[in-house]
PDB file of N, CA and C in Angstrom:
ATOM      1  N   MET A   1       5.573 -22.298  -5.492  1.00  0.00           N
ATOM      2  CA  MET A   1       4.870 -21.316  -4.720  1.00  0.00           C
ATOM      3  C   MET A   1       5.824 -20.168  -4.455  1.00  0.00           C
ATOM      4  N   SER A   2       5.286 -18.986  -4.329  1.00  0.00           N
ATOM      5  CA  SER A   2       6.122 -17.840  -3.992  1.00  0.00           C
ATOM      6  C   SER A   2       5.341 -16.879  -3.115  1.00  0.00           C
ATOM      7  N   PHE A   3       6.075 -16.003  -2.453  1.00  0.00           N
ATOM      8  CA  PHE A   3       5.481 -15.001  -1.562  1.00  0.00           C
ATOM      9  C   PHE A   3       6.177 -13.674  -1.802  1.00  0.00           C
ATOM     10  N   ILE A   4       5.380 -12.612  -1.917  1.00  0.00           N
ATOM     11  CA  ILE A   4       5.900 -11.248  -2.012  1.00  0.00           C
ATOM     12  C   ILE A   4       5.247 -10.444  -0.906  1.00  0.00           C
ATOM     13  N   ALA A   5       6.060  -9.785  -0.102  1.00  0.00           N
ATOM     14  CA  ALA A   5       5.536  -8.959   0.986  1.00  0.00           C
ATOM     15  C   ALA A   5       4.686  -7.825   0.415  1.00  0.00           C
ATOM     16  N   ARG A   6       3.582  -7.566   1.064  1.00  0.00           N
ATOM     17  CA  ARG A   6       2.628  -6.564   0.589  1.00  0.00           C
ATOM     18  C   ARG A   6       3.263  -5.199   0.338  1.00  0.00           C
ATOM     19  N   GLY A   7       4.129  -4.765   1.192  1.00  0.00           N
ATOM     20  CA  GLY A   7       4.728  -3.446   1.061  1.00  0.00           C
ATOM     21  C   GLY A   7       5.624  -3.284  -0.158  1.00  0.00           C
ATOM     22  N   ARG A   8       5.965  -4.379  -0.818  1.00  0.00           N
ATOM     23  CA  ARG A   8       6.841  -4.302  -1.991  1.00  0.00           C
ATOM     24  C   ARG A   8       6.086  -4.057  -3.285  1.00  0.00           C
ATOM     25  N   LEU A   9       4.784  -4.227  -3.275  1.00  0.00           N
ATOM     26  CA  LEU A   9       3.986  -4.057  -4.495  1.00  0.00           C
ATOM     27  C   LEU A   9       3.192  -2.766  -4.450  1.00  0.00           C
ATOM     28  N   THR A  10       3.224  -2.026  -5.559  1.00  0.00           N
ATOM     29  CA  THR A  10       2.335  -0.881  -5.670  1.00  0.00           C
ATOM     30  C   THR A  10       0.972  -1.383  -6.139  1.00  0.00           C
ATOM     31  N   ARG A  11      -0.026  -0.582  -5.967  1.00  0.00           N
ATOM     32  CA  ARG A  11      -1.367  -0.959  -6.412  1.00  0.00           C
ATOM     33  C   ARG A  11      -1.378  -1.240  -7.917  1.00  0.00           C
ATOM     34  N   ALA A  12      -0.646  -0.448  -8.684  1.00  0.00           N
ATOM     35  CA  ALA A  12      -0.595  -0.646 -10.137  1.00  0.00           C
ATOM     36  C   ALA A  12       0.057  -1.985 -10.477  1.00  0.00           C
ATOM     37  N   GLN A  13       1.152  -2.339  -9.795  1.00  0.00           N
ATOM     38  CA  GLN A  13       1.812  -3.616 -10.054  1.00  0.00           C
ATOM     39  C   GLN A  13       0.884  -4.782  -9.735  1.00  0.00           C
ATOM     40  N   TYR A  14       0.128  -4.647  -8.671  1.00  0.00           N
ATOM     41  CA  TYR A  14      -0.773  -5.712  -8.251  1.00  0.00           C
ATOM     42  C   TYR A  14      -1.871  -5.948  -9.284  1.00  0.00           C
ATOM     43  N   ARG A  15      -2.350  -4.893  -9.891  1.00  0.00           N
ATOM     44  CA  ARG A  15      -3.455  -4.996 -10.851  1.00  0.00           C
ATOM     45  C   ARG A  15      -3.023  -5.465 -12.226  1.00  0.00           C
ATOM     46  N   GLU A  16      -1.752  -5.360 -12.555  1.00  0.00           N
ATOM     47  CA  GLU A  16      -1.281  -5.727 -13.887  1.00  0.00           C
ATOM     48  C   GLU A  16      -1.350  -7.221 -14.149  1.00  0.00           C
ATOM     49  N   GLY A  17      -1.381  -8.028 -13.130  1.00  0.00           N
ATOM     50  CA  GLY A  17      -1.464  -9.468 -13.321  1.00  0.00           C
ATOM     51  C   GLY A  17      -0.140 -10.165 -13.140  1.00  0.00           C
ATOM     52  N   HIS A  18       0.816  -9.910 -14.012  1.00  0.00           N
ATOM     53  CA  HIS A  18       2.132 -10.529 -13.891  1.00  0.00           C
ATOM     54  C   HIS A  18       3.058  -9.583 -13.146  1.00  0.00           C
ATOM     55  N   VAL A  19       3.506 -10.007 -11.991  1.00  0.00           N
ATOM     56  CA  VAL A  19       4.391  -9.183 -11.181  1.00  0.00           C
ATOM     57  C   VAL A  19       5.811  -9.324 -11.712  1.00  0.00           C
ATOM     58  N   ARG A  20       6.478  -8.220 -11.855  1.00  0.00           N
ATOM     59  CA  ARG A  20       7.796  -8.235 -12.474  1.00  0.00           C
ATOM     60  C   ARG A  20       8.927  -8.003 -11.462  1.00  0.00           C
ATOM     61  N   ILE A  21       8.669  -8.347 -10.202  1.00  0.00           N
ATOM     62  CA  ILE A  21       9.720  -8.268  -9.195  1.00  0.00           C
ATOM     63  C   ILE A  21       9.930  -9.668  -8.618  1.00  0.00           C
ATOM     64  N   PRO A  22      11.131  -9.962  -8.144  1.00  0.00           N
ATOM     65  CA  PRO A  22      11.352 -11.293  -7.572  1.00  0.00           C
ATOM     66  C   PRO A  22      10.591 -11.444  -6.260  1.00  0.00           C
ATOM     67  N   PRO A  23      10.111 -12.632  -5.979  1.00  0.00           N
ATOM     68  CA  PRO A  23       9.434 -12.846  -4.703  1.00  0.00           C
ATOM     69  C   PRO A  23      10.438 -12.792  -3.553  1.00  0.00           C
ATOM     70  N   ASP A  24       9.936 -12.621  -2.355  1.00  0.00           N
ATOM     71  CA  ASP A  24      10.778 -12.683  -1.168  1.00  0.00           C
ATOM     72  C   ASP A  24      11.100 -14.132  -0.821  1.00  0.00           C
ATOM     73  N   LEU A  25      10.151 -15.017  -1.081  1.00  0.00           N
ATOM     74  CA  LEU A  25      10.294 -16.441  -0.785  1.00  0.00           C
ATOM     75  C   LEU A  25       9.834 -17.243  -1.991  1.00  0.00           C
ATOM     76  N   ALA A  26      10.616 -18.246  -2.364  1.00  0.00           N
ATOM     77  CA  ALA A  26      10.214 -19.185  -3.417  1.00  0.00           C
ATOM     78  C   ALA A  26      10.273 -20.585  -2.818  1.00  0.00           C
ATOM     79  N   VAL A  27       9.299 -21.418  -3.172  1.00  0.00           N
ATOM     80  CA  VAL A  27       9.244 -22.791  -2.680  1.00  0.00           C
ATOM     81  C   VAL A  27       9.218 -23.734  -3.876  1.00  0.00           C
ATOM     82  N   GLU A  28      10.124 -24.679  -3.880  1.00  0.00           N
ATOM     83  CA  GLU A  28      10.175 -25.716  -4.914  1.00  0.00           C
ATOM     84  C   GLU A  28       9.925 -27.056  -4.239  1.00  0.00           C
ATOM     85  N   VAL A  29       9.028 -27.845  -4.793  1.00  0.00           N
ATOM     86  CA  VAL A  29       8.791 -29.203  -4.318  1.00  0.00           C
ATOM     87  C   VAL A  29       9.402 -30.137  -5.349  1.00  0.00           C
ATOM     88  N   VAL A  30      10.357 -30.929  -4.916  1.00  0.00           N
ATOM     89  CA  VAL A  30      11.099 -31.802  -5.816  1.00  0.00           C
ATOM     90  C   VAL A  30      10.236 -32.991  -6.205  1.00  0.00           C
ATOM     91  N   SER A  31      10.143 -33.236  -7.507  1.00  0.00           N
ATOM     92  CA  SER A  31       9.410 -34.403  -8.001  1.00  0.00           C
ATOM     93  C   SER A  31      10.422 -35.464  -8.415  1.00  0.00           C
ATOM     94  N   PRO A  32       9.975 -36.706  -8.542  1.00  0.00           N
ATOM     95  CA  PRO A  32      10.902 -37.773  -8.938  1.00  0.00           C
ATOM     96  C   PRO A  32      11.557 -37.537 -10.303  1.00  0.00           C
ATOM     97  N   HIS A  33      10.950 -36.709 -11.127  1.00  0.00           N
ATOM     98  CA  HIS A  33      11.471 -36.481 -12.472  1.00  0.00           C
ATOM     99  C   HIS A  33      12.412 -35.278 -12.562  1.00  0.00           C
ATOM    100  N   ASP A  34      12.559 -34.531 -11.463  1.00  0.00           N
ATOM    101  CA  ASP A  34      13.454 -33.369 -11.479  1.00  0.00           C
ATOM    102  C   ASP A  34      14.909 -33.818 -11.568  1.00  0.00           C
ATOM    103  N   ARG A  35      15.676 -33.107 -12.359  1.00  0.00           N
ATOM    104  CA  ARG A  35      17.107 -33.383 -12.471  1.00  0.00           C
ATOM    105  C   ARG A  35      17.849 -32.466 -11.512  1.00  0.00           C
ATOM    106  N   VAL A  36      18.836 -33.009 -10.839  1.00  0.00           N
ATOM    107  CA  VAL A  36      19.577 -32.259  -9.828  1.00  0.00           C
ATOM    108  C   VAL A  36      20.184 -30.990 -10.418  1.00  0.00           C
ATOM    109  N   ASN A  37      20.815 -31.087 -11.578  1.00  0.00           N
ATOM    110  CA  ASN A  37      21.463 -29.908 -12.158  1.00  0.00           C
ATOM    111  C   ASN A  37      20.444 -28.831 -12.539  1.00  0.00           C
ATOM    112  N   GLU A  38      19.270 -29.234 -12.994  1.00  0.00           N
ATOM    113  CA  GLU A  38      18.237 -28.253 -13.333  1.00  0.00           C
ATOM    114  C   GLU A  38      17.712 -27.570 -12.069  1.00  0.00           C
ATOM    115  N   LEU A  39      17.540 -28.347 -11.005  1.00  0.00           N
ATOM    116  CA  LEU A  39      17.085 -27.787  -9.736  1.00  0.00           C
ATOM    117  C   LEU A  39      18.117 -26.805  -9.190  1.00  0.00           C
ATOM    118  N   GLU A  40      19.379 -27.166  -9.253  1.00  0.00           N
ATOM    119  CA  GLU A  40      20.437 -26.269  -8.798  1.00  0.00           C
ATOM    120  C   GLU A  40      20.459 -24.986  -9.616  1.00  0.00           C
ATOM    121  N   ASP A  41      20.261 -25.096 -10.931  1.00  0.00           N
ATOM    122  CA  ASP A  41      20.199 -23.906 -11.792  1.00  0.00           C
ATOM    123  C   ASP A  41      19.036 -23.009 -11.387  1.00  0.00           C
ATOM    124  N   THR A  42      17.885 -23.612 -11.106  1.00  0.00           N
ATOM    125  CA  THR A  42      16.705 -22.836 -10.705  1.00  0.00           C
ATOM    126  C   THR A  42      16.963 -22.088  -9.405  1.00  0.00           C
ATOM    127  N   ILE A  43      17.568 -22.748  -8.440  1.00  0.00           N
ATOM    128  CA  ILE A  43      17.873 -22.108  -7.160  1.00  0.00           C
ATOM    129  C   ILE A  43      18.811 -20.931  -7.379  1.00  0.00           C
ATOM    130  N   GLN A  44      19.840 -21.115  -8.186  1.00  0.00           N
ATOM    131  CA  GLN A  44      20.781 -20.025  -8.459  1.00  0.00           C
ATOM    132  C   GLN A  44      20.098 -18.868  -9.196  1.00  0.00           C
ATOM    133  N   GLU A  45      19.182 -19.169 -10.096  1.00  0.00           N
ATOM    134  CA  GLU A  45      18.423 -18.120 -10.791  1.00  0.00           C
ATOM    135  C   GLU A  45      17.603 -17.316  -9.795  1.00  0.00           C
ATOM    136  N   TYR A  46      16.935 -18.003  -8.874  1.00  0.00           N
ATOM    137  CA  TYR A  46      16.158 -17.300  -7.839  1.00  0.00           C
ATOM    138  C   TYR A  46      17.054 -16.357  -7.044  1.00  0.00           C
ATOM    139  N   LEU A  47      18.163 -16.875  -6.539  1.00  0.00           N
ATOM    140  CA  LEU A  47      19.041 -16.074  -5.691  1.00  0.00           C
ATOM    141  C   LEU A  47      19.659 -14.915  -6.464  1.00  0.00           C
ATOM    142  N   THR A  48      20.053 -15.152  -7.690  1.00  0.00           N
ATOM    143  CA  THR A  48      20.619 -14.084  -8.524  1.00  0.00           C
ATOM    144  C   THR A  48      19.584 -13.003  -8.805  1.00  0.00           C
ATOM    145  N   ALA A  49      18.333 -13.402  -8.955  1.00  0.00           N
ATOM    146  CA  ALA A  49      17.256 -12.438  -9.232  1.00  0.00           C
ATOM    147  C   ALA A  49      16.879 -11.620  -8.000  1.00  0.00           C
ATOM    148  N   GLY A  50      17.325 -12.056  -6.807  1.00  0.00           N
ATOM    149  CA  GLY A  50      17.025 -11.292  -5.598  1.00  0.00           C
ATOM    150  C   GLY A  50      16.071 -11.961  -4.632  1.00  0.00           C
ATOM    151  N   VAL A  51      15.694 -13.205  -4.887  1.00  0.00           N
ATOM    152  CA  VAL A  51      14.836 -13.928  -3.945  1.00  0.00           C
ATOM    153  C   VAL A  51      15.628 -14.083  -2.651  1.00  0.00           C
ATOM    154  N   ARG A  52      15.009 -13.720  -1.525  1.00  0.00           N
ATOM    155  CA  ARG A  52      15.728 -13.710  -0.250  1.00  0.00           C
ATOM    156  C   ARG A  52      15.827 -15.077   0.400  1.00  0.00           C
ATOM    157  N   LEU A  53      14.822 -15.940   0.164  1.00  0.00           N
ATOM    158  CA  LEU A  53      14.770 -17.236   0.829  1.00  0.00           C
ATOM    159  C   LEU A  53      14.156 -18.246  -0.137  1.00  0.00           C
ATOM    160  N   VAL A  54      14.806 -19.404  -0.278  1.00  0.00           N
ATOM    161  CA  VAL A  54      14.289 -20.469  -1.139  1.00  0.00           C
ATOM    162  C   VAL A  54      14.180 -21.732  -0.294  1.00  0.00           C
ATOM    163  N   TRP A  55      12.989 -22.320  -0.290  1.00  0.00           N
ATOM    164  CA  TRP A  55      12.772 -23.601   0.381  1.00  0.00           C
ATOM    165  C   TRP A  55      12.643 -24.666  -0.697  1.00  0.00           C
ATOM    166  N   VAL A  56      13.464 -25.692  -0.631  1.00  0.00           N
ATOM    167  CA  VAL A  56      13.356 -26.830  -1.539  1.00  0.00           C
ATOM    168  C   VAL A  56      12.906 -28.014  -0.692  1.00  0.00           C
ATOM    169  N   VAL A  57      11.713 -28.497  -0.972  1.00  0.00           N
ATOM    170  CA  VAL A  57      11.093 -29.568  -0.193  1.00  0.00           C
ATOM    171  C   VAL A  57      11.288 -30.883  -0.932  1.00  0.00           C
ATOM    172  N   HIS A  58      11.775 -31.886  -0.215  1.00  0.00           N
ATOM    173  CA  HIS A  58      12.061 -33.207  -0.777  1.00  0.00           C
ATOM    174  C   HIS A  58      11.082 -34.226  -0.188  1.00  0.00           C
ATOM    175  N   PRO A  59       9.921 -34.443  -0.818  1.00  0.00           N
ATOM    176  CA  PRO A  59       8.918 -35.354  -0.250  1.00  0.00           C
ATOM    177  C   PRO A  59       9.394 -36.796  -0.101  1.00  0.00           C
ATOM    178  N   THR A  60      10.260 -37.257  -0.988  1.00  0.00           N
ATOM    179  CA  THR A  60      10.691 -38.651  -0.950  1.00  0.00           C
ATOM    180  C   THR A  60      11.357 -39.010   0.376  1.00  0.00           C
ATOM    181  N   ASN A  61      12.240 -38.126   0.850  1.00  0.00           N
ATOM    182  CA  ASN A  61      12.909 -38.421   2.122  1.00  0.00           C
ATOM    183  C   ASN A  61      12.450 -37.525   3.270  1.00  0.00           C
ATOM    184  N   LYS A  62      11.377 -36.781   3.030  1.00  0.00           N
ATOM    185  CA  LYS A  62      10.742 -35.931   4.052  1.00  0.00           C
ATOM    186  C   LYS A  62      11.716 -34.933   4.669  1.00  0.00           C
ATOM    187  N   THR A  63      12.496 -34.298   3.809  1.00  0.00           N
ATOM    188  CA  THR A  63      13.458 -33.289   4.234  1.00  0.00           C
ATOM    189  C   THR A  63      13.226 -32.005   3.443  1.00  0.00           C
ATOM    190  N   ALA A  64      14.018 -31.000   3.745  1.00  0.00           N
ATOM    191  CA  ALA A  64      13.983 -29.743   2.998  1.00  0.00           C
ATOM    192  C   ALA A  64      15.366 -29.105   3.084  1.00  0.00           C
ATOM    193  N   THR A  65      15.634 -28.226   2.141  1.00  0.00           N
ATOM    194  CA  THR A  65      16.865 -27.443   2.171  1.00  0.00           C
ATOM    195  C   THR A  65      16.478 -25.982   2.034  1.00  0.00           C
ATOM    196  N   VAL A  66      17.067 -25.154   2.871  1.00  0.00           N
ATOM    197  CA  VAL A  66      16.798 -23.723   2.871  1.00  0.00           C
ATOM    198  C   VAL A  66      18.011 -23.012   2.291  1.00  0.00           C
ATOM    199  N   TYR A  67      17.790 -22.198   1.264  1.00  0.00           N
ATOM    200  CA  TYR A  67      18.846 -21.412   0.640  1.00  0.00           C
ATOM    201  C   TYR A  67      18.556 -19.950   0.910  1.00  0.00           C
ATOM    202  N   ARG A  68      19.615 -19.202   1.199  1.00  0.00           N
ATOM    203  CA  ARG A  68      19.473 -17.792   1.542  1.00  0.00           C
ATOM    204  C   ARG A  68      20.249 -16.905   0.563  1.00  0.00           C
ATOM    205  N   GLN A  69      19.891 -15.647   0.544  1.00  0.00           N
ATOM    206  CA  GLN A  69      20.513 -14.665  -0.336  1.00  0.00           C
ATOM    207  C   GLN A  69      22.018 -14.577  -0.108  1.00  0.00           C
ATOM    208  N   ASN A  70      22.491 -14.821   1.112  1.00  0.00           N
ATOM    209  CA  ASN A  70      23.930 -14.749   1.392  1.00  0.00           C
ATOM    210  C   ASN A  70      24.655 -16.032   0.975  1.00  0.00           C
ATOM    211  N   ARG A  71      23.935 -16.902   0.250  1.00  0.00           N
ATOM    212  CA  ARG A  71      24.462 -18.150  -0.321  1.00  0.00           C
ATOM    213  C   ARG A  71      24.723 -19.239   0.722  1.00  0.00           C
ATOM    214  N   THR A  72      24.161 -19.096   1.917  1.00  0.00           N
ATOM    215  CA  THR A  72      24.248 -20.187   2.880  1.00  0.00           C
ATOM    216  C   THR A  72      23.064 -21.117   2.653  1.00  0.00           C
ATOM    217  N   ALA A  73      23.244 -22.370   3.051  1.00  0.00           N
ATOM    218  CA  ALA A  73      22.170 -23.359   2.917  1.00  0.00           C
ATOM    219  C   ALA A  73      22.110 -24.181   4.199  1.00  0.00           C
ATOM    220  N   THR A  74      20.896 -24.574   4.555  1.00  0.00           N
ATOM    221  CA  THR A  74      20.683 -25.413   5.727  1.00  0.00           C
ATOM    222  C   THR A  74      19.822 -26.593   5.319  1.00  0.00           C
ATOM    223  N   HIS A  75      20.276 -27.795   5.638  1.00  0.00           N
ATOM    224  CA  HIS A  75      19.511 -29.001   5.342  1.00  0.00           C
ATOM    225  C   HIS A  75      18.691 -29.361   6.575  1.00  0.00           C
ATOM    226  N   LEU A  76      17.406 -29.598   6.375  1.00  0.00           N
ATOM    227  CA  LEU A  76      16.496 -29.909   7.468  1.00  0.00           C
ATOM    228  C   LEU A  76      16.029 -31.346   7.379  1.00  0.00           C
ATOM    229  N   GLY A  77      16.002 -32.008   8.518  1.00  0.00           N
ATOM    230  CA  GLY A  77      15.508 -33.374   8.585  1.00  0.00           C
ATOM    231  C   GLY A  77      14.034 -33.402   8.963  1.00  0.00           C
ATOM    232  N   PRO A  78      13.444 -34.586   8.978  1.00  0.00           N
ATOM    233  CA  PRO A  78      12.010 -34.726   9.260  1.00  0.00           C
ATOM    234  C   PRO A  78      11.586 -34.155  10.616  1.00  0.00           C
ATOM    235  N   GLU A  79      12.522 -34.041  11.550  1.00  0.00           N
ATOM    236  CA  GLU A  79      12.182 -33.522  12.879  1.00  0.00           C
ATOM    237  C   GLU A  79      12.332 -32.004  12.976  1.00  0.00           C
ATOM    238  N   ASP A  80      12.801 -31.359  11.900  1.00  0.00           N
ATOM    239  CA  ASP A  80      13.040 -29.920  11.892  1.00  0.00           C
ATOM    240  C   ASP A  80      11.826 -29.149  11.371  1.00  0.00           C
ATOM    241  N   SER A  81      11.950 -27.821  11.410  1.00  0.00           N
ATOM    242  CA  SER A  81      10.866 -26.942  10.943  1.00  0.00           C
ATOM    243  C   SER A  81      11.380 -25.930   9.937  1.00  0.00           C
ATOM    244  N   LEU A  82      10.532 -25.591   8.977  1.00  0.00           N
ATOM    245  CA  LEU A  82      10.801 -24.466   8.086  1.00  0.00           C
ATOM    246  C   LEU A  82      10.530 -23.198   8.886  1.00  0.00           C
ATOM    247  N   ASP A  83      11.373 -22.204   8.727  1.00  0.00           N
ATOM    248  CA  ASP A  83      11.262 -20.965   9.479  1.00  0.00           C
ATOM    249  C   ASP A  83      11.257 -19.809   8.487  1.00  0.00           C
ATOM    250  N   GLY A  84      10.354 -18.873   8.675  1.00  0.00           N
ATOM    251  CA  GLY A  84      10.254 -17.727   7.777  1.00  0.00           C
ATOM    252  C   GLY A  84      11.379 -16.730   7.914  1.00  0.00           C
ATOM    253  N   GLU A  85      12.209 -16.909   8.944  1.00  0.00           N
ATOM    254  CA  GLU A  85      13.350 -16.033   9.187  1.00  0.00           C
ATOM    255  C   GLU A  85      12.924 -14.574   9.067  1.00  0.00           C
ATOM    256  N   GLY A  86      13.712 -13.733   8.421  1.00  0.00           N
ATOM    257  CA  GLY A  86      13.362 -12.320   8.290  1.00  0.00           C
ATOM    258  C   GLY A  86      12.373 -12.044   7.172  1.00  0.00           C
ATOM    259  N   VAL A  87      12.053 -13.056   6.374  1.00  0.00           N
ATOM    260  CA  VAL A  87      11.133 -12.886   5.246  1.00  0.00           C
ATOM    261  C   VAL A  87       9.679 -12.992   5.708  1.00  0.00           C
ATOM    262  N   LEU A  88       9.395 -13.974   6.533  1.00  0.00           N
ATOM    263  CA  LEU A  88       8.064 -14.175   7.126  1.00  0.00           C
ATOM    264  C   LEU A  88       8.249 -14.321   8.637  1.00  0.00           C
ATOM    265  N   PRO A  89       8.534 -13.223   9.337  1.00  0.00           N
ATOM    266  CA  PRO A  89       8.810 -13.320  10.767  1.00  0.00           C
ATOM    267  C   PRO A  89       7.672 -14.013  11.518  1.00  0.00           C
ATOM    268  N   GLY A  90       8.057 -14.949  12.371  1.00  0.00           N
ATOM    269  CA  GLY A  90       7.075 -15.660  13.190  1.00  0.00           C
ATOM    270  C   GLY A  90       6.503 -16.904  12.538  1.00  0.00           C
ATOM    271  N   PHE A  91       6.774 -17.124  11.251  1.00  0.00           N
ATOM    272  CA  PHE A  91       6.237 -18.309  10.576  1.00  0.00           C
ATOM    273  C   PHE A  91       7.132 -19.504  10.844  1.00  0.00           C
ATOM    274  N   ARG A  92       6.508 -20.602  11.284  1.00  0.00           N
ATOM    275  CA  ARG A  92       7.206 -21.877  11.458  1.00  0.00           C
ATOM    276  C   ARG A  92       6.260 -22.985  11.033  1.00  0.00           C
ATOM    277  N   CYS A  93       6.819 -23.977  10.352  1.00  0.00           N
ATOM    278  CA  CYS A  93       6.035 -25.135   9.928  1.00  0.00           C
ATOM    279  C   CYS A  93       6.897 -26.378  10.086  1.00  0.00           C
ATOM    280  N   ALA A  94       6.466 -27.271  10.955  1.00  0.00           N
ATOM    281  CA  ALA A  94       7.204 -28.514  11.152  1.00  0.00           C
ATOM    282  C   ALA A  94       7.120 -29.360   9.888  1.00  0.00           C
ATOM    283  N   LEU A  95       8.256 -29.886   9.453  1.00  0.00           N
ATOM    284  CA  LEU A  95       8.238 -30.751   8.276  1.00  0.00           C
ATOM    285  C   LEU A  95       7.326 -31.952   8.514  1.00  0.00           C
ATOM    286  N   ALA A  96       7.289 -32.449   9.729  1.00  0.00           N
ATOM    287  CA  ALA A  96       6.418 -33.585  10.043  1.00  0.00           C
ATOM    288  C   ALA A  96       4.960 -33.252   9.735  1.00  0.00           C
ATOM    289  N   ASP A  97       4.560 -31.984   9.905  1.00  0.00           N
ATOM    290  CA  ASP A  97       3.179 -31.586   9.589  1.00  0.00           C
ATOM    291  C   ASP A  97       2.921 -31.631   8.089  1.00  0.00           C
ATOM    292  N   LEU A  98       3.941 -31.336   7.292  1.00  0.00           N
ATOM    293  CA  LEU A  98       3.767 -31.393   5.835  1.00  0.00           C
ATOM    294  C   LEU A  98       3.514 -32.818   5.364  1.00  0.00           C
ATOM    295  N   TYR A  99       4.116 -33.773   6.057  1.00  0.00           N
ATOM    296  CA  TYR A  99       4.070 -35.158   5.618  1.00  0.00           C
ATOM    297  C   TYR A  99       3.105 -36.017   6.430  1.00  0.00           C
ATOM    298  N   ALA A 100       2.359 -35.399   7.322  1.00  0.00           N
ATOM    299  CA  ALA A 100       1.422 -36.158   8.157  1.00  0.00           C
ATOM    300  C   ALA A 100       0.281 -36.712   7.309  1.00  0.00           C
ATOM    301  N   GLU A 101      -0.191 -37.872   7.688  1.00  0.00           N
ATOM    302  CA  GLU A 101      -1.342 -38.471   7.022  1.00  0.00           C
ATOM    303  C   GLU A 101      -2.574 -37.624   7.306  1.00  0.00           C
ATOM    304  N   PRO A 102      -3.444 -37.429   6.315  1.00  0.00           N
ATOM    305  CA  PRO A 102      -4.671 -36.673   6.570  1.00  0.00           C
ATOM    306  C   PRO A 102      -5.551 -37.443   7.548  1.00  0.00           C
ATOM    307  N   PRO A 103      -6.331 -36.715   8.353  1.00  0.00           N
ATOM    308  CA  PRO A 103      -7.218 -37.412   9.304  1.00  0.00           C
ATOM    309  C   PRO A 103      -8.299 -38.187   8.574  1.00  0.00           C
ATOM    310  N   GLU A 104      -8.741 -39.255   9.199  1.00  0.00           N
ATOM    311  CA  GLU A 104      -9.832 -40.046   8.614  1.00  0.00           C
ATOM    312  C   GLU A 104     -11.136 -39.269   8.726  1.00  0.00           C
ATOM    313  N   ASP A 105     -12.033 -39.542   7.787  1.00  0.00           N
ATOM    314  CA  ASP A 105     -13.370 -38.971   7.869  1.00  0.00           C
ATOM    315  C   ASP A 105     -14.082 -39.551   9.070  1.00  0.00           C
ATOM    316  N   GLU A 106     -15.153 -38.891   9.512  1.00  0.00           N
ATOM    317  CA  GLU A 106     -15.900 -39.386  10.649  1.00  0.00           C
ATOM    318  C   GLU A 106     -16.468 -40.774  10.415  1.00  0.00           C
ATOM    319  N   ASP A 107     -16.735 -41.133   9.167  1.00  0.00           N
ATOM    320  CA  ASP A 107     -17.304 -42.462   8.878  1.00  0.00           C
ATOM    321  C   ASP A 107     -16.213 -43.521   8.756  1.00  0.00           C
ATOM    322  N   GLY A 108     -14.936 -43.158   9.043  1.00  0.00           N
ATOM    323  CA  GLY A 108     -13.855 -44.123   9.034  1.00  0.00           C
ATOM    324  C   GLY A 108     -13.182 -44.299   7.703  1.00  0.00           C
ATOM    325  N   ALA A 109     -13.552 -43.519   6.699  1.00  0.00           N
ATOM    326  CA  ALA A 109     -12.965 -43.662   5.358  1.00  0.00           C
ATOM    327  C   ALA A 109     -11.593 -43.065   5.292  1.00  0.00           C
TER     328      ALA A 109
END
């Protein structure tokens, strides 16, 4: 998943279909088949291209790692929240909400 702030796209760029600028935020969800070195390469490619914030979500252990343009990283545990920082000001999402069980249907299913 990725996010590009509206003010960064011209109307012409938006209509072309494939946007040729780096997103402000990129999100990677780690699958059991992902290789660590390939994931690290992808993160470095994002940051080198100008992506300001990268969230890597680890469903297996219900954690996430946040990578920033200044090359700092923060590891988040299940009790922490993803924060949009300066890229998505005011956005917060608790990791526990990402991993919460869906509610049962009214009929108990």
